[in-house]
Amino acid sequence: MVLEKVIDIIAEELSVDPSEITEDSNLVEDLDADSLAVVDLVMSIEDAFNVEIPDTEVENLKTVGEIVQFIEEHQGQ
């Protein structure tokens, strides 16, 4: 469920077809996200899941799967 919602957010923010996004998709290399797009994406994900992603963590979240894992570990904290 988290994965599907993250894919929907990424698809909307980056104007990418959701069917092209997988858990292994790299935000920059595969989905062409620039630094501004990543910031917007992080803010949308924080709002949607009620989590806070510290700036120090953002650089470690390179793939869709890593974002999902972060959300699952920190949601509700």
PDB file of N, CA and C in Angstrom:
ATOM      1  N   MET A   1       0.818  -1.196   0.000  1.00  0.00           N
ATOM      2  CA  MET A   1       0.000   0.000   0.000  1.00  0.00           C
ATOM      3  C   MET A   1       0.864   1.264   0.000  1.00  0.00           C
ATOM      4  N   VAL A   2       1.892   1.287   0.811  1.00  0.00           N
ATOM      5  CA  VAL A   2       2.808   2.436   0.833  1.00  0.00           C
ATOM      6  C   VAL A   2       3.452   2.595  -0.542  1.00  0.00           C
ATOM      7  N   LEU A   3       3.870   1.485  -1.134  1.00  0.00           N
ATOM      8  CA  LEU A   3       4.532   1.538  -2.446  1.00  0.00           C
ATOM      9  C   LEU A   3       3.624   2.182  -3.490  1.00  0.00           C
ATOM     10  N   GLU A   4       2.379   1.755  -3.547  1.00  0.00           N
ATOM     11  CA  GLU A   4       1.465   2.293  -4.548  1.00  0.00           C
ATOM     12  C   GLU A   4       1.269   3.797  -4.369  1.00  0.00           C
ATOM     13  N   LYS A   5       1.130   4.230  -3.125  1.00  0.00           N
ATOM     14  CA  LYS A   5       0.926   5.654  -2.852  1.00  0.00           C
ATOM     15  C   LYS A   5       2.176   6.465  -3.216  1.00  0.00           C
ATOM     16  N   VAL A   6       3.352   5.918  -2.901  1.00  0.00           N
ATOM     17  CA  VAL A   6       4.605   6.601  -3.256  1.00  0.00           C
ATOM     18  C   VAL A   6       4.722   6.704  -4.773  1.00  0.00           C
ATOM     19  N   ILE A   7       4.399   5.625  -5.476  1.00  0.00           N
ATOM     20  CA  ILE A   7       4.458   5.649  -6.941  1.00  0.00           C
ATOM     21  C   ILE A   7       3.506   6.704  -7.494  1.00  0.00           C
ATOM     22  N   ASP A   8       2.299   6.795  -6.937  1.00  0.00           N
ATOM     23  CA  ASP A   8       1.341   7.808  -7.395  1.00  0.00           C
ATOM     24  C   ASP A   8       1.884   9.223  -7.195  1.00  0.00           C
ATOM     25  N   ILE A   9       2.486   9.468  -6.037  1.00  0.00           N
ATOM     26  CA  ILE A   9       3.049  10.792  -5.747  1.00  0.00           C
ATOM     27  C   ILE A   9       4.190  11.107  -6.706  1.00  0.00           C
ATOM     28  N   ILE A  10       5.084  10.144  -6.909  1.00  0.00           N
ATOM     29  CA  ILE A  10       6.219  10.352  -7.814  1.00  0.00           C
ATOM     30  C   ILE A  10       5.728  10.594  -9.236  1.00  0.00           C
ATOM     31  N   ALA A  11       4.762   9.808  -9.678  1.00  0.00           N
ATOM     32  CA  ALA A  11       4.223   9.964 -11.020  1.00  0.00           C
ATOM     33  C   ALA A  11       3.655  11.366 -11.225  1.00  0.00           C
ATOM     34  N   GLU A  12       2.926  11.838 -10.205  1.00  0.00           N
ATOM     35  CA  GLU A  12       2.326  13.166 -10.308  1.00  0.00           C
ATOM     36  C   GLU A  12       3.395  14.266 -10.274  1.00  0.00           C
ATOM     37  N   GLU A  13       4.325  14.167  -9.333  1.00  0.00           N
ATOM     38  CA  GLU A  13       5.353  15.203  -9.175  1.00  0.00           C
ATOM     39  C   GLU A  13       6.303  15.274 -10.378  1.00  0.00           C
ATOM     40  N   LEU A  14       6.639  14.115 -10.931  1.00  0.00           N
ATOM     41  CA  LEU A  14       7.648  14.083 -11.992  1.00  0.00           C
ATOM     42  C   LEU A  14       7.038  13.911 -13.381  1.00  0.00           C
ATOM     43  N   SER A  15       5.710  13.880 -13.452  1.00  0.00           N
ATOM     44  CA  SER A  15       5.007  13.685 -14.723  1.00  0.00           C
ATOM     45  C   SER A  15       5.511  12.452 -15.458  1.00  0.00           C
ATOM     46  N   VAL A  16       5.541  11.338 -14.725  1.00  0.00           N
ATOM     47  CA  VAL A  16       5.992  10.066 -15.269  1.00  0.00           C
ATOM     48  C   VAL A  16       4.824   9.080 -15.200  1.00  0.00           C
ATOM     49  N   ASP A  17       4.724   8.226 -16.198  1.00  0.00           N
ATOM     50  CA  ASP A  17       3.680   7.202 -16.192  1.00  0.00           C
ATOM     51  C   ASP A  17       3.934   6.252 -15.022  1.00  0.00           C
ATOM     52  N   PRO A  18       2.940   6.038 -14.151  1.00  0.00           N
ATOM     53  CA  PRO A  18       3.144   5.151 -12.992  1.00  0.00           C
ATOM     54  C   PRO A  18       3.627   3.750 -13.376  1.00  0.00           C
ATOM     55  N   SER A  19       3.261   3.292 -14.562  1.00  0.00           N
ATOM     56  CA  SER A  19       3.680   1.949 -14.974  1.00  0.00           C
ATOM     57  C   SER A  19       5.180   1.865 -15.224  1.00  0.00           C
ATOM     58  N   GLU A  20       5.836   3.018 -15.368  1.00  0.00           N
ATOM     59  CA  GLU A  20       7.290   3.042 -15.585  1.00  0.00           C
ATOM     60  C   GLU A  20       8.074   3.069 -14.271  1.00  0.00           C
ATOM     61  N   ILE A  21       7.365   3.199 -13.155  1.00  0.00           N
ATOM     62  CA  ILE A  21       8.022   3.328 -11.854  1.00  0.00           C
ATOM     63  C   ILE A  21       7.964   1.996 -11.123  1.00  0.00           C
ATOM     64  N   THR A  22       9.145   1.520 -10.702  1.00  0.00           N
ATOM     65  CA  THR A  22       9.208   0.292  -9.915  1.00  0.00           C
ATOM     66  C   THR A  22       9.917   0.586  -8.599  1.00  0.00           C
ATOM     67  N   GLU A  23       9.952  -0.418  -7.747  1.00  0.00           N
ATOM     68  CA  GLU A  23      10.631  -0.257  -6.462  1.00  0.00           C
ATOM     69  C   GLU A  23      12.126   0.012  -6.662  1.00  0.00           C
ATOM     70  N   ASP A  24      12.673  -0.462  -7.778  1.00  0.00           N
ATOM     71  CA  ASP A  24      14.100  -0.283  -8.058  1.00  0.00           C
ATOM     72  C   ASP A  24      14.413   1.004  -8.816  1.00  0.00           C
ATOM     73  N   SER A  25      13.394   1.763  -9.188  1.00  0.00           N
ATOM     74  CA  SER A  25      13.624   2.993  -9.956  1.00  0.00           C
ATOM     75  C   SER A  25      14.436   3.993  -9.147  1.00  0.00           C
ATOM     76  N   ASN A  26      15.493   4.519  -9.781  1.00  0.00           N
ATOM     77  CA  ASN A  26      16.319   5.555  -9.169  1.00  0.00           C
ATOM     78  C   ASN A  26      15.730   6.909  -9.551  1.00  0.00           C
ATOM     79  N   LEU A  27      15.498   7.753  -8.557  1.00  0.00           N
ATOM     80  CA  LEU A  27      14.834   9.031  -8.807  1.00  0.00           C
ATOM     81  C   LEU A  27      15.567   9.881  -9.835  1.00  0.00           C
ATOM     82  N   VAL A  28      16.879   9.951  -9.724  1.00  0.00           N
ATOM     83  CA  VAL A  28      17.658  10.817 -10.607  1.00  0.00           C
ATOM     84  C   VAL A  28      17.992  10.103 -11.919  1.00  0.00           C
ATOM     85  N   GLU A  29      18.548   8.899 -11.827  1.00  0.00           N
ATOM     86  CA  GLU A  29      19.018   8.209 -13.021  1.00  0.00           C
ATOM     87  C   GLU A  29      17.891   7.684 -13.901  1.00  0.00           C
ATOM     88  N   ASP A  30      16.842   7.128 -13.291  1.00  0.00           N
ATOM     89  CA  ASP A  30      15.772   6.511 -14.080  1.00  0.00           C
ATOM     90  C   ASP A  30      14.597   7.457 -14.347  1.00  0.00           C
ATOM     91  N   LEU A  31      14.324   8.347 -13.398  1.00  0.00           N
ATOM     92  CA  LEU A  31      13.128   9.179 -13.492  1.00  0.00           C
ATOM     93  C   LEU A  31      13.448  10.654 -13.759  1.00  0.00           C
ATOM     94  N   ASP A  32      14.720  10.958 -13.966  1.00  0.00           N
ATOM     95  CA  ASP A  32      15.172  12.307 -14.348  1.00  0.00           C
ATOM     96  C   ASP A  32      14.769  13.406 -13.373  1.00  0.00           C
ATOM     97  N   ALA A  33      14.752  13.101 -12.091  1.00  0.00           N
ATOM     98  CA  ALA A  33      14.429  14.123 -11.089  1.00  0.00           C
ATOM     99  C   ALA A  33      15.657  14.995 -10.842  1.00  0.00           C
ATOM    100  N   ASP A  34      15.474  16.316 -10.906  1.00  0.00           N
ATOM    101  CA  ASP A  34      16.572  17.208 -10.537  1.00  0.00           C
ATOM    102  C   ASP A  34      16.442  17.534  -9.048  1.00  0.00           C
ATOM    103  N   SER A  35      17.360  18.314  -8.532  1.00  0.00           N
ATOM    104  CA  SER A  35      17.372  18.559  -7.085  1.00  0.00           C
ATOM    105  C   SER A  35      16.098  19.263  -6.617  1.00  0.00           C
ATOM    106  N   LEU A  36      15.567  20.177  -7.413  1.00  0.00           N
ATOM    107  CA  LEU A  36      14.332  20.867  -7.038  1.00  0.00           C
ATOM    108  C   LEU A  36      13.155  19.888  -7.014  1.00  0.00           C
ATOM    109  N   ALA A  37      13.105  19.005  -7.993  1.00  0.00           N
ATOM    110  CA  ALA A  37      12.031  18.001  -8.046  1.00  0.00           C
ATOM    111  C   ALA A  37      12.105  17.078  -6.835  1.00  0.00           C
ATOM    112  N   VAL A  38      13.313  16.736  -6.409  1.00  0.00           N
ATOM    113  CA  VAL A  38      13.482  15.866  -5.246  1.00  0.00           C
ATOM    114  C   VAL A  38      12.964  16.568  -3.989  1.00  0.00           C
ATOM    115  N   VAL A  39      13.250  17.856  -3.851  1.00  0.00           N
ATOM    116  CA  VAL A  39      12.763  18.621  -2.693  1.00  0.00           C
ATOM    117  C   VAL A  39      11.238  18.644  -2.685  1.00  0.00           C
ATOM    118  N   ASP A  40      10.629  18.922  -3.836  1.00  0.00           N
ATOM    119  CA  ASP A  40       9.170  18.940  -3.933  1.00  0.00           C
ATOM    120  C   ASP A  40       8.590  17.560  -3.611  1.00  0.00           C
ATOM    121  N   LEU A  41       9.247  16.550  -4.102  1.00  0.00           N
ATOM    122  CA  LEU A  41       8.813  15.173  -3.876  1.00  0.00           C
ATOM    123  C   LEU A  41       8.855  14.823  -2.391  1.00  0.00           C
ATOM    124  N   VAL A  42       9.941  15.186  -1.736  1.00  0.00           N
ATOM    125  CA  VAL A  42      10.094  14.919  -0.298  1.00  0.00           C
ATOM    126  C   VAL A  42       8.981  15.621   0.478  1.00  0.00           C
ATOM    127  N   MET A  43       8.687  16.862   0.125  1.00  0.00           N
ATOM    128  CA  MET A  43       7.631  17.590   0.839  1.00  0.00           C
ATOM    129  C   MET A  43       6.269  16.917   0.627  1.00  0.00           C
ATOM    130  N   SER A  44       5.994  16.468  -0.569  1.00  0.00           N
ATOM    131  CA  SER A  44       4.725  15.787  -0.851  1.00  0.00           C
ATOM    132  C   SER A  44       4.616  14.473  -0.080  1.00  0.00           C
ATOM    133  N   ILE A  45       5.716  13.747  -0.025  1.00  0.00           N
ATOM    134  CA  ILE A  45       5.731  12.472   0.703  1.00  0.00           C
ATOM    135  C   ILE A  45       5.567  12.712   2.203  1.00  0.00           C
ATOM    136  N   GLU A  46       6.246  13.739   2.717  1.00  0.00           N
ATOM    137  CA  GLU A  46       6.103  14.063   4.139  1.00  0.00           C
ATOM    138  C   GLU A  46       4.650  14.386   4.474  1.00  0.00           C
ATOM    139  N   ASP A  47       3.999  15.165   3.623  1.00  0.00           N
ATOM    140  CA  ASP A  47       2.598  15.531   3.853  1.00  0.00           C
ATOM    141  C   ASP A  47       1.682  14.314   3.758  1.00  0.00           C
ATOM    142  N   ALA A  48       1.900  13.493   2.745  1.00  0.00           N
ATOM    143  CA  ALA A  48       1.016  12.352   2.495  1.00  0.00           C
ATOM    144  C   ALA A  48       1.107  11.291   3.592  1.00  0.00           C
ATOM    145  N   PHE A  49       2.306  11.100   4.131  1.00  0.00           N
ATOM    146  CA  PHE A  49       2.509  10.023   5.106  1.00  0.00           C
ATOM    147  C   PHE A  49       2.715  10.513   6.529  1.00  0.00           C
ATOM    148  N   ASN A  50       2.692  11.847   6.717  1.00  0.00           N
ATOM    149  CA  ASN A  50       2.890  12.421   8.041  1.00  0.00           C
ATOM    150  C   ASN A  50       4.205  11.945   8.666  1.00  0.00           C
ATOM    151  N   VAL A  51       5.260  12.003   7.869  1.00  0.00           N
ATOM    152  CA  VAL A  51       6.605  11.686   8.355  1.00  0.00           C
ATOM    153  C   VAL A  51       7.500  12.881   8.071  1.00  0.00           C
ATOM    154  N   GLU A  52       8.600  12.949   8.803  1.00  0.00           N
ATOM    155  CA  GLU A  52       9.583  13.993   8.529  1.00  0.00           C
ATOM    156  C   GLU A  52      10.858  13.325   8.035  1.00  0.00           C
ATOM    157  N   ILE A  53      11.319  13.758   6.866  1.00  0.00           N
ATOM    158  CA  ILE A  53      12.544  13.206   6.294  1.00  0.00           C
ATOM    159  C   ILE A  53      13.637  14.258   6.466  1.00  0.00           C
ATOM    160  N   PRO A  54      14.571  14.026   7.382  1.00  0.00           N
ATOM    161  CA  PRO A  54      15.644  15.008   7.598  1.00  0.00           C
ATOM    162  C   PRO A  54      16.484  15.189   6.333  1.00  0.00           C
ATOM    163  N   ASP A  55      17.003  16.405   6.146  1.00  0.00           N
ATOM    164  CA  ASP A  55      17.839  16.686   4.974  1.00  0.00           C
ATOM    165  C   ASP A  55      18.989  15.696   4.856  1.00  0.00           C
ATOM    166  N   THR A  56      19.519  15.265   5.997  1.00  0.00           N
ATOM    167  CA  THR A  56      20.644  14.330   5.967  1.00  0.00           C
ATOM    168  C   THR A  56      20.233  12.964   5.420  1.00  0.00           C
ATOM    169  N   GLU A  57      18.943  12.629   5.532  1.00  0.00           N
ATOM    170  CA  GLU A  57      18.438  11.346   5.032  1.00  0.00           C
ATOM    171  C   GLU A  57      18.095  11.411   3.550  1.00  0.00           C
ATOM    172  N   VAL A  58      17.697  12.584   3.063  1.00  0.00           N
ATOM    173  CA  VAL A  58      17.228  12.711   1.684  1.00  0.00           C
ATOM    174  C   VAL A  58      18.260  12.184   0.700  1.00  0.00           C
ATOM    175  N   GLU A  59      19.527  12.503   0.936  1.00  0.00           N
ATOM    176  CA  GLU A  59      20.564  12.062  -0.002  1.00  0.00           C
ATOM    177  C   GLU A  59      20.746  10.547  -0.007  1.00  0.00           C
ATOM    178  N   ASN A  60      20.262   9.860   1.031  1.00  0.00           N
ATOM    179  CA  ASN A  60      20.366   8.399   1.089  1.00  0.00           C
ATOM    180  C   ASN A  60      19.178   7.709   0.427  1.00  0.00           C
ATOM    181  N   LEU A  61      18.140   8.467   0.115  1.00  0.00           N
ATOM    182  CA  LEU A  61      16.938   7.892  -0.474  1.00  0.00           C
ATOM    183  C   LEU A  61      16.991   8.056  -1.989  1.00  0.00           C
ATOM    184  N   LYS A  62      17.653   7.115  -2.632  1.00  0.00           N
ATOM    185  CA  LYS A  62      17.876   7.231  -4.067  1.00  0.00           C
ATOM    186  C   LYS A  62      16.851   6.471  -4.900  1.00  0.00           C
ATOM    187  N   THR A  63      16.277   5.418  -4.338  1.00  0.00           N
ATOM    188  CA  THR A  63      15.320   4.616  -5.102  1.00  0.00           C
ATOM    189  C   THR A  63      13.937   4.670  -4.452  1.00  0.00           C
ATOM    190  N   VAL A  64      12.955   4.274  -5.223  1.00  0.00           N
ATOM    191  CA  VAL A  64      11.586   4.230  -4.715  1.00  0.00           C
ATOM    192  C   VAL A  64      11.508   3.284  -3.512  1.00  0.00           C
ATOM    193  N   GLY A  65      12.182   2.154  -3.597  1.00  0.00           N
ATOM    194  CA  GLY A  65      12.184   1.183  -2.510  1.00  0.00           C
ATOM    195  C   GLY A  65      12.776   1.740  -1.224  1.00  0.00           C
ATOM    196  N   GLU A  66      13.826   2.548  -1.351  1.00  0.00           N
ATOM    197  CA  GLU A  66      14.439   3.149  -0.165  1.00  0.00           C
ATOM    198  C   GLU A  66      13.491   4.155   0.492  1.00  0.00           C
ATOM    199  N   ILE A  67      12.725   4.869  -0.330  1.00  0.00           N
ATOM    200  CA  ILE A  67      11.736   5.808   0.211  1.00  0.00           C
ATOM    201  C   ILE A  67      10.658   5.038   0.968  1.00  0.00           C
ATOM    202  N   VAL A  68      10.160   3.965   0.353  1.00  0.00           N
ATOM    203  CA  VAL A  68       9.118   3.146   0.982  1.00  0.00           C
ATOM    204  C   VAL A  68       9.624   2.586   2.309  1.00  0.00           C
ATOM    205  N   GLN A  69      10.842   2.073   2.309  1.00  0.00           N
ATOM    206  CA  GLN A  69      11.412   1.506   3.536  1.00  0.00           C
ATOM    207  C   GLN A  69      11.514   2.573   4.623  1.00  0.00           C
ATOM    208  N   PHE A  70      11.964   3.775   4.263  1.00  0.00           N
ATOM    209  CA  PHE A  70      12.069   4.865   5.241  1.00  0.00           C
ATOM    210  C   PHE A  70      10.699   5.176   5.835  1.00  0.00           C
ATOM    211  N   ILE A  71       9.679   5.288   4.981  1.00  0.00           N
ATOM    212  CA  ILE A  71       8.329   5.602   5.459  1.00  0.00           C
ATOM    213  C   ILE A  71       7.838   4.521   6.411  1.00  0.00           C
ATOM    214  N   GLU A  72       8.003   3.268   6.024  1.00  0.00           N
ATOM    215  CA  GLU A  72       7.516   2.163   6.856  1.00  0.00           C
ATOM    216  C   GLU A  72       8.207   2.141   8.219  1.00  0.00           C
ATOM    217  N   GLU A  73       9.484   2.538   8.262  1.00  0.00           N
ATOM    218  CA  GLU A  73      10.224   2.528   9.523  1.00  0.00           C
ATOM    219  C   GLU A  73       9.890   3.733  10.399  1.00  0.00           C
ATOM    220  N   HIS A  74       9.459   4.850   9.809  1.00  0.00           N
ATOM    221  CA  HIS A  74       9.296   6.076  10.578  1.00  0.00           C
ATOM    222  C   HIS A  74       7.860   6.561  10.702  1.00  0.00           C
ATOM    223  N   GLN A  75       6.937   5.921  10.032  1.00  0.00           N
ATOM    224  CA  GLN A  75       5.556   6.358  10.099  1.00  0.00           C
ATOM    225  C   GLN A  75       4.998   6.161  11.509  1.00  0.00           C
ATOM    226  N   GLY A  76       4.296   7.165  11.986  1.00  0.00           N
ATOM    227  CA  GLY A  76       3.686   7.072  13.306  1.00  0.00           C
ATOM    228  C   GLY A  76       4.629   7.342  14.459  1.00  0.00           C
ATOM    229  N   GLN A  77       5.807   7.846  14.158  1.00  0.00           N
ATOM    230  CA  GLN A  77       6.758   8.155  15.240  1.00  0.00           C
ATOM    231  C   GLN A  77       6.635   9.600  15.667  1.00  0.00           C
TER     232      GLN A  77
END
